[in-house]
Amino acid sequence: MPINGHFWIENDKGEVIFDPLFQYEYGFVCMVHELDIKKPVYYEASKERQREAMQEHILPTMKDIFKYGVEEFKEDLGDLTFNHNECAMNVIIEKVVNKNKGHIKYGNMGWKKLDGSGEWLEFEDGDDSEWKKQSHEAHRRFVKKCEMKWGKNPSLEAKYGKQKRAMGWDW
């Protein structure tokens, strides 16, 4: 079952500026469903649903990154790689490590059909209980590693709050 919903980053003009293309995984989906991998489609969820998705999947990890420190997060990542079916963590990495100034968006994503008869949405917002479980597990692993290394140190949050604002994060 595909992950429900999808995160990506847009610029001020509403153009998608970050969403990793997983050639093998997406290529297979496009081949099976006769889709054009070069013609992705994105549909933003309602503002309320985007806010809920951000609060559920993005903000808890972001808060802990600033609690324990951006450098610790980068160190934890090691060799930077984006992962298929981990769009929430991918946009977090893009914002924190690459300092992308765009806006995180949430909604549906797919591709246009090759014959022009419509589109296929691979990621649709809906019941995302399995996704929440996976997202929370990745977040718990990061927090556990930081707490084991540094202990609970909320004073870092104040230090990195200024850095968060300097990065232009609008959430």
N, C-alpha and C. Protein backbone atom coordinates (compact mmCIF):
# COMPACT_ATOMS: atom_id res chain seq x y z
N MET A 1 0.85 -1.18 0.00
CA MET A 1 0.00 0.00 0.00
C MET A 1 0.89 1.24 0.00
N PRO A 2 0.70 2.16 -0.96
CA PRO A 2 1.54 3.35 -0.98
C PRO A 2 1.29 4.26 0.22
N ILE A 3 2.30 5.03 0.55
CA ILE A 3 2.15 6.01 1.62
C ILE A 3 1.08 7.01 1.21
N ASN A 4 0.25 7.41 2.13
CA ASN A 4 -0.80 8.38 1.84
C ASN A 4 -0.26 9.79 1.98
N GLY A 5 -0.55 10.64 1.03
CA GLY A 5 -0.10 12.02 1.06
C GLY A 5 1.37 12.14 0.72
N HIS A 6 1.80 13.37 0.50
CA HIS A 6 3.17 13.62 0.06
C HIS A 6 3.60 15.03 0.46
N PHE A 7 4.88 15.18 0.83
CA PHE A 7 5.49 16.48 1.12
C PHE A 7 6.44 16.84 -0.01
N TRP A 8 6.50 18.14 -0.34
CA TRP A 8 7.46 18.66 -1.31
C TRP A 8 7.72 20.12 -0.93
N ILE A 9 8.61 20.80 -1.65
CA ILE A 9 8.91 22.21 -1.37
C ILE A 9 8.66 23.02 -2.63
N GLU A 10 7.99 24.17 -2.44
CA GLU A 10 7.69 25.09 -3.54
C GLU A 10 8.34 26.44 -3.27
N ASN A 11 8.58 27.18 -4.36
CA ASN A 11 9.06 28.55 -4.22
C ASN A 11 7.85 29.49 -4.07
N ASP A 12 8.11 30.79 -4.01
CA ASP A 12 7.03 31.78 -3.82
C ASP A 12 6.06 31.83 -4.99
N LYS A 13 6.48 31.33 -6.15
CA LYS A 13 5.62 31.33 -7.34
C LYS A 13 4.74 30.08 -7.41
N GLY A 14 4.88 29.18 -6.43
CA GLY A 14 4.10 27.95 -6.44
C GLY A 14 4.69 26.85 -7.31
N GLU A 15 5.97 27.01 -7.69
CA GLU A 15 6.64 26.01 -8.51
C GLU A 15 7.37 25.01 -7.59
N VAL A 16 7.28 23.75 -7.92
CA VAL A 16 7.97 22.72 -7.14
C VAL A 16 9.48 22.88 -7.36
N ILE A 17 10.20 23.09 -6.27
CA ILE A 17 11.65 23.25 -6.37
C ILE A 17 12.41 22.12 -5.69
N PHE A 18 11.70 21.28 -4.93
CA PHE A 18 12.36 20.12 -4.32
C PHE A 18 11.37 18.99 -4.15
N ASP A 19 11.68 17.90 -4.77
CA ASP A 19 11.00 16.62 -4.59
C ASP A 19 11.88 15.60 -5.29
N PRO A 20 12.67 14.84 -4.53
CA PRO A 20 13.61 13.91 -5.17
C PRO A 20 12.92 12.95 -6.13
N LEU A 21 13.55 12.71 -7.26
CA LEU A 21 13.05 11.76 -8.25
C LEU A 21 13.76 10.43 -8.00
N PHE A 22 13.02 9.45 -7.54
CA PHE A 22 13.57 8.12 -7.31
C PHE A 22 13.34 7.32 -8.59
N GLN A 23 14.35 7.37 -9.46
CA GLN A 23 14.24 6.85 -10.82
C GLN A 23 13.76 5.40 -10.86
N TYR A 24 14.31 4.55 -10.03
CA TYR A 24 13.93 3.14 -10.07
C TYR A 24 12.50 2.94 -9.58
N GLU A 25 12.21 3.43 -8.37
CA GLU A 25 10.89 3.21 -7.77
C GLU A 25 9.80 3.90 -8.57
N TYR A 26 10.00 5.19 -8.88
CA TYR A 26 8.98 5.93 -9.63
C TYR A 26 8.91 5.42 -11.08
N GLY A 27 10.06 5.05 -11.63
CA GLY A 27 10.09 4.53 -12.99
C GLY A 27 9.26 3.26 -13.12
N PHE A 28 9.33 2.41 -12.11
CA PHE A 28 8.55 1.18 -12.13
C PHE A 28 7.05 1.49 -12.08
N VAL A 29 6.65 2.39 -11.19
CA VAL A 29 5.24 2.78 -11.09
C VAL A 29 4.76 3.35 -12.42
N CYS A 30 5.57 4.20 -13.01
CA CYS A 30 5.19 4.83 -14.28
C CYS A 30 5.11 3.80 -15.41
N MET A 31 6.00 2.83 -15.40
CA MET A 31 5.96 1.80 -16.42
C MET A 31 4.69 0.96 -16.28
N VAL A 32 4.39 0.53 -15.07
CA VAL A 32 3.23 -0.33 -14.84
C VAL A 32 1.92 0.37 -15.21
N HIS A 33 1.81 1.65 -14.87
CA HIS A 33 0.56 2.39 -15.07
C HIS A 33 0.57 3.26 -16.32
N GLU A 34 1.64 3.13 -17.13
CA GLU A 34 1.78 3.89 -18.38
C GLU A 34 1.67 5.40 -18.13
N LEU A 35 2.58 5.87 -17.29
CA LEU A 35 2.61 7.28 -16.88
C LEU A 35 3.86 7.95 -17.43
N ASP A 36 3.82 9.27 -17.53
CA ASP A 36 4.96 10.06 -18.00
C ASP A 36 5.73 10.59 -16.79
N ILE A 37 6.87 9.99 -16.49
CA ILE A 37 7.65 10.37 -15.31
C ILE A 37 8.11 11.83 -15.38
N LYS A 38 8.13 12.40 -16.58
CA LYS A 38 8.55 13.79 -16.76
C LYS A 38 7.41 14.78 -16.52
N LYS A 39 6.21 14.27 -16.24
CA LYS A 39 5.04 15.14 -16.03
C LYS A 39 4.36 14.83 -14.70
N PRO A 40 5.03 15.20 -13.59
CA PRO A 40 4.40 14.99 -12.29
C PRO A 40 3.25 15.98 -12.07
N VAL A 41 2.31 15.59 -11.23
CA VAL A 41 1.21 16.47 -10.84
C VAL A 41 1.17 16.55 -9.32
N TYR A 42 0.89 17.74 -8.82
CA TYR A 42 0.82 17.99 -7.38
C TYR A 42 -0.49 18.72 -7.08
N TYR A 43 -1.15 18.31 -6.01
CA TYR A 43 -2.37 18.99 -5.55
C TYR A 43 -2.24 19.22 -4.06
N GLU A 44 -2.19 20.49 -3.68
CA GLU A 44 -2.10 20.82 -2.26
C GLU A 44 -3.37 20.42 -1.54
N ALA A 45 -3.21 19.91 -0.34
CA ALA A 45 -4.35 19.66 0.54
C ALA A 45 -4.85 21.02 1.04
N SER A 46 -6.00 21.02 1.69
CA SER A 46 -6.52 22.27 2.27
C SER A 46 -5.51 22.82 3.27
N LYS A 47 -5.58 24.10 3.52
CA LYS A 47 -4.64 24.73 4.48
C LYS A 47 -4.73 24.04 5.84
N GLU A 48 -5.95 23.70 6.25
CA GLU A 48 -6.13 23.03 7.54
C GLU A 48 -5.45 21.67 7.55
N ARG A 49 -5.62 20.90 6.48
CA ARG A 49 -5.02 19.57 6.41
C ARG A 49 -3.49 19.67 6.31
N GLN A 50 -2.99 20.68 5.59
CA GLN A 50 -1.54 20.88 5.52
C GLN A 50 -0.99 21.19 6.91
N ARG A 51 -1.70 22.03 7.64
CA ARG A 51 -1.27 22.38 9.00
C ARG A 51 -1.24 21.12 9.89
N GLU A 52 -2.28 20.29 9.78
CA GLU A 52 -2.32 19.05 10.56
C GLU A 52 -1.14 18.14 10.20
N ALA A 53 -0.88 18.00 8.90
CA ALA A 53 0.21 17.13 8.45
C ALA A 53 1.57 17.66 8.94
N MET A 54 1.75 18.98 8.89
CA MET A 54 2.99 19.59 9.37
C MET A 54 3.15 19.32 10.88
N GLN A 55 2.08 19.53 11.63
CA GLN A 55 2.16 19.33 13.08
C GLN A 55 2.42 17.87 13.43
N GLU A 56 1.90 16.98 12.63
CA GLU A 56 2.05 15.56 12.90
C GLU A 56 3.40 15.00 12.44
N HIS A 57 3.88 15.41 11.27
CA HIS A 57 5.03 14.75 10.66
C HIS A 57 6.31 15.58 10.57
N ILE A 58 6.20 16.90 10.58
CA ILE A 58 7.38 17.75 10.38
C ILE A 58 7.83 18.43 11.68
N LEU A 59 6.91 19.10 12.34
CA LEU A 59 7.29 19.93 13.50
C LEU A 59 7.93 19.17 14.66
N PRO A 60 7.46 17.97 15.02
CA PRO A 60 8.13 17.28 16.14
C PRO A 60 9.62 17.04 15.87
N THR A 61 9.96 16.63 14.66
CA THR A 61 11.36 16.40 14.32
C THR A 61 12.12 17.71 14.27
N MET A 62 11.52 18.75 13.68
CA MET A 62 12.18 20.06 13.61
C MET A 62 12.46 20.60 15.01
N LYS A 63 11.52 20.47 15.91
CA LYS A 63 11.73 20.96 17.28
C LYS A 63 12.91 20.26 17.93
N ASP A 64 13.00 18.95 17.73
CA ASP A 64 14.12 18.23 18.32
C ASP A 64 15.45 18.54 17.64
N ILE A 65 15.42 18.82 16.36
CA ILE A 65 16.65 19.22 15.68
C ILE A 65 17.18 20.50 16.31
N PHE A 66 16.28 21.44 16.58
CA PHE A 66 16.74 22.69 17.17
C PHE A 66 17.00 22.55 18.67
N LYS A 67 16.40 21.56 19.29
CA LYS A 67 16.68 21.30 20.70
C LYS A 67 18.09 20.75 20.86
N TYR A 68 18.45 19.78 20.02
CA TYR A 68 19.74 19.11 20.15
C TYR A 68 20.82 19.71 19.28
N GLY A 69 20.43 20.46 18.26
CA GLY A 69 21.41 21.13 17.42
C GLY A 69 21.43 20.63 15.99
N VAL A 70 21.55 21.58 15.09
CA VAL A 70 21.59 21.27 13.67
C VAL A 70 22.82 20.44 13.34
N GLU A 71 23.95 20.78 13.94
CA GLU A 71 25.18 20.03 13.65
C GLU A 71 25.06 18.57 14.07
N GLU A 72 24.40 18.33 15.19
CA GLU A 72 24.18 16.95 15.64
C GLU A 72 23.30 16.21 14.63
N PHE A 73 22.31 16.88 14.11
CA PHE A 73 21.43 16.28 13.10
C PHE A 73 22.22 15.93 11.85
N LYS A 74 23.07 16.86 11.40
CA LYS A 74 23.89 16.59 10.22
C LYS A 74 24.83 15.41 10.46
N GLU A 75 25.41 15.37 11.65
CA GLU A 75 26.32 14.27 12.00
C GLU A 75 25.55 12.94 12.00
N ASP A 76 24.34 12.96 12.52
CA ASP A 76 23.51 11.76 12.58
C ASP A 76 23.18 11.25 11.17
N LEU A 77 23.04 12.18 10.22
CA LEU A 77 22.71 11.79 8.85
C LEU A 77 23.87 11.09 8.15
N GLY A 78 25.10 11.46 8.53
CA GLY A 78 26.25 10.88 7.84
C GLY A 78 26.25 11.33 6.39
N ASP A 79 26.39 10.38 5.49
CA ASP A 79 26.31 10.69 4.06
C ASP A 79 24.86 11.01 3.73
N LEU A 80 24.65 12.22 3.27
CA LEU A 80 23.29 12.68 2.98
C LEU A 80 22.68 11.89 1.84
N THR A 81 21.58 11.24 2.13
CA THR A 81 20.82 10.58 1.09
C THR A 81 19.34 10.81 1.37
N PHE A 82 18.59 10.98 0.29
CA PHE A 82 17.15 11.09 0.41
C PHE A 82 16.59 9.69 0.17
N ASN A 83 15.52 9.35 0.85
CA ASN A 83 14.98 8.00 0.77
C ASN A 83 13.56 7.98 0.23
N HIS A 84 13.30 6.98 -0.59
CA HIS A 84 11.96 6.74 -1.14
C HIS A 84 11.00 6.45 0.01
N ASN A 85 9.80 6.95 -0.09
CA ASN A 85 8.74 6.79 0.91
C ASN A 85 9.07 7.45 2.25
N GLU A 86 9.97 8.42 2.26
CA GLU A 86 10.27 9.19 3.47
C GLU A 86 10.25 10.68 3.13
N CYS A 87 9.17 11.13 2.48
CA CYS A 87 9.12 12.51 2.00
C CYS A 87 9.18 13.51 3.14
N ALA A 88 8.61 13.19 4.31
CA ALA A 88 8.67 14.13 5.43
C ALA A 88 10.13 14.36 5.84
N MET A 89 10.88 13.28 6.01
CA MET A 89 12.28 13.44 6.40
C MET A 89 13.09 14.06 5.26
N ASN A 90 12.74 13.77 4.01
CA ASN A 90 13.47 14.37 2.88
C ASN A 90 13.34 15.89 2.89
N VAL A 91 12.13 16.42 3.13
CA VAL A 91 11.98 17.88 3.14
C VAL A 91 12.65 18.49 4.37
N ILE A 92 12.67 17.76 5.48
CA ILE A 92 13.37 18.25 6.67
C ILE A 92 14.86 18.35 6.37
N ILE A 93 15.43 17.33 5.78
CA ILE A 93 16.85 17.34 5.42
C ILE A 93 17.14 18.50 4.47
N GLU A 94 16.28 18.68 3.47
CA GLU A 94 16.48 19.76 2.50
C GLU A 94 16.44 21.13 3.18
N LYS A 95 15.53 21.32 4.12
CA LYS A 95 15.43 22.61 4.82
C LYS A 95 16.62 22.83 5.76
N VAL A 96 16.99 21.81 6.52
CA VAL A 96 18.02 21.97 7.55
C VAL A 96 19.42 21.95 6.95
N VAL A 97 19.71 20.94 6.15
CA VAL A 97 21.07 20.76 5.64
C VAL A 97 21.36 21.70 4.48
N ASN A 98 20.44 21.77 3.52
CA ASN A 98 20.66 22.58 2.33
C ASN A 98 20.09 23.99 2.45
N LYS A 99 19.45 24.28 3.57
CA LYS A 99 18.90 25.61 3.87
C LYS A 99 18.00 26.13 2.76
N ASN A 100 17.16 25.25 2.24
CA ASN A 100 16.20 25.62 1.21
C ASN A 100 15.20 26.61 1.79
N LYS A 101 15.01 27.74 1.14
CA LYS A 101 14.13 28.81 1.63
C LYS A 101 12.68 28.65 1.17
N GLY A 102 12.39 27.60 0.41
CA GLY A 102 11.04 27.38 -0.09
C GLY A 102 10.06 27.03 1.01
N HIS A 103 8.84 26.74 0.60
CA HIS A 103 7.74 26.46 1.52
C HIS A 103 7.38 24.97 1.43
N ILE A 104 7.31 24.31 2.57
CA ILE A 104 6.90 22.91 2.60
C ILE A 104 5.41 22.84 2.30
N LYS A 105 5.05 21.95 1.39
CA LYS A 105 3.65 21.74 1.01
C LYS A 105 3.31 20.27 1.24
N TYR A 106 2.01 20.02 1.42
CA TYR A 106 1.52 18.66 1.62
C TYR A 106 0.26 18.45 0.81
N GLY A 107 0.13 17.27 0.24
CA GLY A 107 -1.07 16.96 -0.51
C GLY A 107 -0.89 15.68 -1.31
N ASN A 108 -1.41 15.68 -2.55
CA ASN A 108 -1.37 14.52 -3.42
C ASN A 108 -0.30 14.71 -4.50
N MET A 109 0.28 13.59 -4.94
CA MET A 109 1.30 13.65 -6.00
C MET A 109 1.17 12.42 -6.88
N GLY A 110 1.39 12.61 -8.17
CA GLY A 110 1.37 11.51 -9.12
C GLY A 110 1.91 11.98 -10.46
N TRP A 111 1.47 11.34 -11.54
CA TRP A 111 1.95 11.67 -12.88
C TRP A 111 0.80 11.62 -13.89
N LYS A 112 0.98 12.33 -14.99
CA LYS A 112 0.02 12.29 -16.10
C LYS A 112 0.21 10.98 -16.86
N LYS A 113 -0.89 10.46 -17.42
CA LYS A 113 -0.83 9.24 -18.22
C LYS A 113 -0.19 9.56 -19.58
N LEU A 114 0.55 8.60 -20.11
CA LEU A 114 1.22 8.78 -21.40
C LEU A 114 0.25 9.10 -22.53
N ASP A 115 -0.93 8.50 -22.50
CA ASP A 115 -1.90 8.71 -23.60
C ASP A 115 -2.75 9.96 -23.43
N GLY A 116 -2.48 10.73 -22.35
CA GLY A 116 -3.20 11.98 -22.13
C GLY A 116 -4.60 11.80 -21.56
N SER A 117 -4.95 10.58 -21.17
CA SER A 117 -6.31 10.30 -20.71
C SER A 117 -6.56 10.63 -19.25
N GLY A 118 -5.60 11.15 -18.55
CA GLY A 118 -5.80 11.47 -17.14
C GLY A 118 -4.49 11.41 -16.38
N GLU A 119 -4.58 11.00 -15.14
CA GLU A 119 -3.41 10.95 -14.28
C GLU A 119 -3.58 9.84 -13.24
N TRP A 120 -2.47 9.52 -12.61
CA TRP A 120 -2.43 8.52 -11.55
C TRP A 120 -1.82 9.19 -10.33
N LEU A 121 -2.53 9.16 -9.21
CA LEU A 121 -1.99 9.71 -7.97
C LEU A 121 -1.40 8.58 -7.15
N GLU A 122 -0.09 8.57 -7.06
CA GLU A 122 0.61 7.55 -6.29
C GLU A 122 0.51 7.83 -4.80
N PHE A 123 0.52 9.10 -4.43
CA PHE A 123 0.44 9.49 -3.02
C PHE A 123 -0.80 10.35 -2.84
N GLU A 124 -1.80 9.83 -2.13
CA GLU A 124 -3.03 10.55 -1.88
C GLU A 124 -3.25 10.70 -0.39
N ASP A 125 -3.62 11.89 0.02
CA ASP A 125 -3.93 12.13 1.42
C ASP A 125 -5.13 11.28 1.81
N GLY A 126 -5.10 10.74 3.00
CA GLY A 126 -6.20 9.91 3.48
C GLY A 126 -5.80 9.27 4.79
N ASP A 127 -6.22 8.06 5.02
CA ASP A 127 -5.86 7.33 6.23
C ASP A 127 -4.37 7.03 6.19
N ASP A 128 -3.63 7.71 7.04
CA ASP A 128 -2.17 7.55 7.00
C ASP A 128 -1.61 6.96 8.29
N SER A 129 -2.33 6.02 8.87
CA SER A 129 -1.89 5.45 10.14
C SER A 129 -0.54 4.74 10.01
N GLU A 130 -0.29 4.03 8.90
CA GLU A 130 0.99 3.36 8.72
C GLU A 130 2.11 4.38 8.52
N TRP A 131 1.82 5.45 7.78
CA TRP A 131 2.82 6.49 7.55
C TRP A 131 3.18 7.17 8.86
N LYS A 132 2.17 7.48 9.69
CA LYS A 132 2.43 8.10 10.99
C LYS A 132 3.36 7.21 11.81
N LYS A 133 3.11 5.92 11.78
CA LYS A 133 3.94 4.98 12.53
C LYS A 133 5.39 5.06 12.05
N GLN A 134 5.62 5.04 10.73
CA GLN A 134 6.98 5.11 10.19
C GLN A 134 7.64 6.45 10.49
N SER A 135 6.90 7.53 10.34
CA SER A 135 7.43 8.87 10.59
C SER A 135 7.83 9.02 12.05
N HIS A 136 6.98 8.55 12.95
CA HIS A 136 7.26 8.66 14.38
C HIS A 136 8.46 7.81 14.76
N GLU A 137 8.61 6.65 14.13
CA GLU A 137 9.75 5.78 14.44
C GLU A 137 11.07 6.45 14.04
N ALA A 138 11.13 7.08 12.87
CA ALA A 138 12.34 7.79 12.45
C ALA A 138 12.66 8.93 13.43
N HIS A 139 11.63 9.64 13.86
CA HIS A 139 11.80 10.74 14.81
C HIS A 139 12.31 10.20 16.14
N ARG A 140 11.73 9.10 16.64
CA ARG A 140 12.15 8.51 17.91
C ARG A 140 13.62 8.07 17.87
N ARG A 141 14.05 7.50 16.74
CA ARG A 141 15.45 7.07 16.62
C ARG A 141 16.39 8.26 16.76
N PHE A 142 16.04 9.38 16.10
CA PHE A 142 16.89 10.58 16.17
C PHE A 142 16.96 11.11 17.60
N VAL A 143 15.81 11.23 18.27
CA VAL A 143 15.77 11.75 19.64
C VAL A 143 16.55 10.84 20.59
N LYS A 144 16.37 9.54 20.45
CA LYS A 144 17.06 8.60 21.33
C LYS A 144 18.57 8.74 21.19
N LYS A 145 19.05 8.83 19.95
CA LYS A 145 20.49 8.97 19.74
C LYS A 145 21.00 10.26 20.37
N CYS A 146 20.27 11.36 20.19
CA CYS A 146 20.69 12.64 20.76
C CYS A 146 20.68 12.59 22.28
N GLU A 147 19.64 12.02 22.87
CA GLU A 147 19.57 11.96 24.33
C GLU A 147 20.67 11.07 24.90
N MET A 148 21.00 9.99 24.20
CA MET A 148 22.08 9.12 24.67
C MET A 148 23.42 9.86 24.63
N LYS A 149 23.60 10.68 23.60
CA LYS A 149 24.88 11.37 23.43
C LYS A 149 24.97 12.62 24.30
N TRP A 150 23.88 13.41 24.34
CA TRP A 150 23.95 14.72 24.98
C TRP A 150 23.07 14.86 26.22
N GLY A 151 22.15 13.95 26.44
CA GLY A 151 21.19 14.12 27.52
C GLY A 151 20.13 15.11 27.08
N LYS A 152 19.21 15.40 27.96
CA LYS A 152 18.14 16.35 27.62
C LYS A 152 18.67 17.75 27.90
N ASN A 153 18.78 18.58 26.86
CA ASN A 153 19.37 19.90 27.00
C ASN A 153 18.52 20.93 26.26
N PRO A 154 17.43 21.38 26.87
CA PRO A 154 16.56 22.33 26.17
C PRO A 154 17.18 23.70 25.94
N SER A 155 18.35 23.99 26.55
CA SER A 155 18.97 25.29 26.33
C SER A 155 19.41 25.45 24.87
N LEU A 156 19.64 24.35 24.18
CA LEU A 156 20.03 24.44 22.78
C LEU A 156 18.90 24.98 21.91
N GLU A 157 17.65 24.75 22.35
CA GLU A 157 16.51 25.22 21.57
C GLU A 157 16.55 26.74 21.43
N ALA A 158 16.88 27.43 22.51
CA ALA A 158 16.96 28.90 22.45
C ALA A 158 18.06 29.33 21.49
N LYS A 159 19.20 28.65 21.54
CA LYS A 159 20.33 28.97 20.67
C LYS A 159 19.94 28.81 19.20
N TYR A 160 19.26 27.72 18.85
CA TYR A 160 18.95 27.46 17.46
C TYR A 160 17.66 28.09 17.00
N GLY A 161 16.86 28.63 17.91
CA GLY A 161 15.65 29.34 17.51
C GLY A 161 15.99 30.52 16.60
N LYS A 162 17.08 31.24 16.92
CA LYS A 162 17.52 32.37 16.11
C LYS A 162 17.93 31.87 14.72
N GLN A 163 18.62 30.74 14.67
CA GLN A 163 19.04 30.17 13.39
C GLN A 163 17.83 29.76 12.56
N LYS A 164 16.81 29.21 13.21
CA LYS A 164 15.58 28.82 12.51
C LYS A 164 14.95 30.02 11.83
N ARG A 165 14.86 31.14 12.55
CA ARG A 165 14.28 32.36 11.97
C ARG A 165 15.16 32.90 10.84
N ALA A 166 16.48 32.78 11.01
CA ALA A 166 17.39 33.28 9.96
C ALA A 166 17.27 32.47 8.67
N MET A 167 16.86 31.21 8.79
CA MET A 167 16.68 30.37 7.60
C MET A 167 15.40 30.70 6.85
N GLY A 168 14.56 31.55 7.45
CA GLY A 168 13.34 31.97 6.77
C GLY A 168 12.22 30.94 6.83
N TRP A 169 12.25 30.06 7.82
CA TRP A 169 11.21 29.06 7.90
C TRP A 169 9.92 29.71 8.33
N ASP A 170 8.86 29.48 7.59
CA ASP A 170 7.61 30.20 7.81
C ASP A 170 6.56 29.40 8.56
N TRP A 171 6.89 28.30 9.13
CA TRP A 171 5.91 27.53 9.86
C TRP A 171 6.12 27.80 11.31
